[in-house]
Amino acid sequence: MAITMTQSAAERVKSFLANRNKGLGLRIGLKTSGCSGMAYVIEFVDELNDDDEVYEIEGVNIVIDAKSFIYLQGIELDFVKEGLNEGFKFNNPNAKGECGCGESFTV
C-alpha cells in the first residue's frame, strides 16, 4: 500500500470525524473535471460501496474505490496552512501536469 498521510492531515481528519460524531472514515477518489481531466474527491464515508477498499493510515480509515486506486498509488495526503488559507493537499507522483488554477490534473 503506497498511500500515505501526514500527521497534520491525520489529526485534521480525526478532528472532523469526532465533530461529526459518526462516519467510517474518509473517501479519497477521482472525478472527471476541469481542463486537465481529473479532480480529487474527498468526503466522509458513512456506508461502504461494493468496490471500496479500506486502508488504515495514521489511525484513520481511508476508503478508495477500485477505479480511483490505480491513479492514487503513491499519493500523500497533507493538510497545509498558507496564510489565511488552509486545506488538504494531494502530492501525487502519478500527475503529469495540472491546469493553471490547480483544480484538475492529468496522468
Protein backbone atom coordinates (compact mmCIF):
# COMPACT_ATOMS: atom_id res chain seq x y z
CA MET A 1 0.00 0.00 0.00
CA ALA A 2 1.70 3.14 -1.17
CA ILE A 3 -0.77 5.75 0.04
CA THR A 4 0.38 7.92 2.93
CA MET A 5 -0.98 10.69 5.09
CA THR A 6 0.95 13.27 7.06
CA GLN A 7 0.40 13.60 10.78
CA SER A 8 -1.17 17.02 10.15
CA ALA A 9 -3.73 15.54 7.76
CA ALA A 10 -4.49 12.62 10.08
CA GLU A 11 -5.11 14.93 13.02
CA ARG A 12 -7.42 17.13 10.93
CA VAL A 13 -9.45 14.15 9.66
CA LYS A 14 -9.76 12.72 13.17
CA SER A 15 -10.99 16.12 14.38
CA PHE A 16 -13.59 16.32 11.60
CA LEU A 17 -14.82 12.78 12.30
CA ALA A 18 -15.07 13.50 16.03
CA ASN A 19 -17.08 16.67 15.35
CA ARG A 20 -19.42 14.76 13.03
CA ASN A 21 -19.87 12.11 15.72
CA LYS A 22 -20.31 9.46 13.03
CA GLY A 23 -18.59 8.04 9.97
CA LEU A 24 -16.40 5.11 8.98
CA GLY A 25 -13.58 7.20 7.57
CA LEU A 26 -12.59 9.40 4.68
CA ARG A 27 -13.10 8.65 0.99
CA ILE A 28 -10.44 9.73 -1.46
CA GLY A 29 -11.38 9.39 -5.10
CA LEU A 30 -11.37 10.99 -8.52
CA LYS A 31 -13.90 12.51 -10.85
CA THR A 32 -13.71 13.83 -14.39
CA SER A 33 -13.43 17.58 -14.11
CA GLY A 34 -11.60 20.72 -15.12
CA CYS A 35 -9.47 21.43 -18.12
CA SER A 36 -6.83 18.78 -17.34
CA GLY A 37 -9.19 15.85 -16.90
CA MET A 38 -9.32 14.64 -13.28
CA ALA A 39 -10.03 16.20 -9.92
CA TYR A 40 -9.77 14.83 -6.42
CA VAL A 41 -12.85 14.00 -4.38
CA ILE A 42 -12.66 13.90 -0.62
CA GLU A 43 -15.70 13.12 1.52
CA PHE A 44 -16.77 11.38 4.69
CA VAL A 45 -17.92 7.76 4.45
CA ASP A 46 -20.94 6.54 6.36
CA GLU A 47 -21.51 3.40 4.24
CA LEU A 48 -19.16 1.32 2.13
CA ASN A 49 -19.81 0.53 -1.54
CA ASP A 50 -19.19 -2.91 -3.04
CA ASP A 51 -15.98 -1.84 -4.80
CA ASP A 52 -14.46 0.04 -1.84
CA GLU A 53 -11.21 -0.91 -0.18
CA VAL A 54 -10.45 0.34 3.34
CA TYR A 55 -6.91 1.14 4.47
CA GLU A 56 -5.92 2.29 7.94
CA ILE A 57 -3.33 5.04 7.68
CA GLU A 58 -2.14 7.01 10.71
CA GLY A 59 -5.17 5.76 12.67
CA VAL A 60 -7.65 6.91 10.01
CA ASN A 61 -9.72 4.68 7.73
CA ILE A 62 -9.14 5.75 4.13
CA VAL A 63 -11.69 4.42 1.65
CA ILE A 64 -10.79 4.18 -2.04
CA ASP A 65 -12.83 2.71 -4.86
CA ALA A 66 -11.16 0.33 -7.31
CA LYS A 67 -11.31 2.74 -10.29
CA SER A 68 -9.55 5.54 -8.40
CA PHE A 69 -6.91 3.37 -6.75
CA ILE A 70 -4.75 2.98 -9.85
CA TYR A 71 -4.31 6.77 -10.09
CA LEU A 72 -3.82 7.25 -6.34
CA GLN A 73 -1.00 4.77 -5.71
CA GLY A 74 1.91 6.62 -4.15
CA ILE A 75 -0.17 9.66 -3.19
CA GLU A 76 0.42 11.60 0.02
CA LEU A 77 -2.44 13.48 1.65
CA ASP A 78 -1.31 16.54 3.58
CA PHE A 79 -3.10 19.34 5.43
CA VAL A 80 -1.45 22.71 4.98
CA LYS A 81 -1.96 26.24 6.21
CA GLU A 82 -0.72 29.04 3.98
CA GLY A 83 -1.51 32.46 5.37
CA LEU A 84 -5.27 32.66 5.88
CA ASN A 85 -5.91 29.62 3.67
CA GLU A 86 -5.90 26.03 4.84
CA GLY A 87 -6.86 22.76 3.23
CA PHE A 88 -5.91 19.30 2.10
CA LYS A 89 -3.13 18.98 -0.43
CA PHE A 90 -2.53 15.96 -2.64
CA ASN A 91 1.06 15.12 -3.51
CA ASN A 92 0.56 12.72 -6.41
CA PRO A 93 3.62 11.28 -8.17
CA ASN A 94 1.35 10.00 -10.98
CA ALA A 95 0.25 13.51 -12.01
CA LYS A 96 1.98 14.62 -15.20
CA GLY A 97 0.51 18.12 -15.18
CA GLU A 98 -2.07 20.45 -13.63
CA CYS A 99 -4.32 23.13 -15.01
CA GLY A 100 -3.42 26.73 -14.24
CA CYS A 101 -5.93 27.12 -11.41
CA GLY A 102 -4.88 23.82 -9.77
CA GLU A 103 -8.40 22.33 -9.87
CA SER A 104 -7.56 19.35 -12.05
CA PHE A 105 -4.64 17.23 -13.18
CA THR A 106 -3.67 14.74 -15.85
CA VAL A 107 -1.81 11.43 -15.68
